[in-house]
Amino acid sequence: MPLVFAGVCSHAPGITGRADQADPDVRDRFSAAFDGMRADLEAARPDAIVIVAAEHFANFFMNNMPSFAIGMANHYDGPIEDPEWLGIERRRVPGDRELSERFITRVMQTSDVSYAEEWKFDHGIMVPLHFLTPRYDVAVIPVNVNCQGPPLTPLHRAWAFGESIRAACDELPERIAVIGTGGISHWPATPDSGKINVEWDLDFMDRWCRNDRAALLDYDDLTVYTDAGQGGFEIRTFITVAAAAGGATGTVHFCEPIPIFAVSCTVATYDLG
């Protein structure tokens, strides 16, 4: 079954944890964009959602850091953070071990991946699910791309991984959606937290919408670190989804800085035709 949905969105913990401190106008327009993405996702009727996220040392640390990891379990628990701090109650999220195994087996034909039968979801997955599947009634296949611990996953390999994901989705009989989550420019957990490079963000999203492979891979980590902070390394998740979209062009439904959330909050989707 061809891929039925592809999009990206922000996952900053402040989106749910500090929602009451944001400017109501911009916060509500951002929430409305999430509502629109949820409607489109529901219209696509996915049997499962592959969520490509940047894991934040909740499950993988420097003693064993895979470039790519995929979950393979019948359920996952989250958030691993304090629920009161994140503003999301702890719960069990459905998975599908058998489907994950078939998905992983196909991805392995062209990309080397690790897999995990246990996975605690952090804000990188729980914040998007809070808005996109509030009933938690669709199976999730979690995917991690190493955006955290150098040496980071090379951008061209993130692209190739996205192509492997697309091939797997197209071969499976189930209806699969792919969603990438992460920040664009941001400096989390540093003295610069709250800084946002809006110009850099808009330029990156323009490249993402055009699905311009050469332009999306024309970054180096040192420049990204300078211009977009260490949080900018999470562009790998967006690049993976761009490759999975197979040349489709996209639309940015929302991309504006919300300083209390410490990131340009983003919702964007591809037109898969």
Foldseek 3Di string as FASTA:
>chain_A
DAAQWFWEWAQQLCLQQVLVVFDVVQNVLLLVLLLVVLVSVVVSVFQEEEEEFADDPPPDDPVHDWQKEKEQEQKAWDDPDDCNNSNHDIDIAGAHNVLSVLLVVQLVVQADYHYDPYDHHHSRPVRSCVRNVVVSPHHYMYMHGHLDDPVGNQLVNLLSSLLSNRVSCVPDPGHYYYYYYFFAAFAPPDPRQLDEQQVRVVVQVVCLQQLPLVVNNPDDPVVCCVRRNSRNSSCSRSSSSSSSLPRFGKDWSAFARTSSSRGGTTIMITDSD
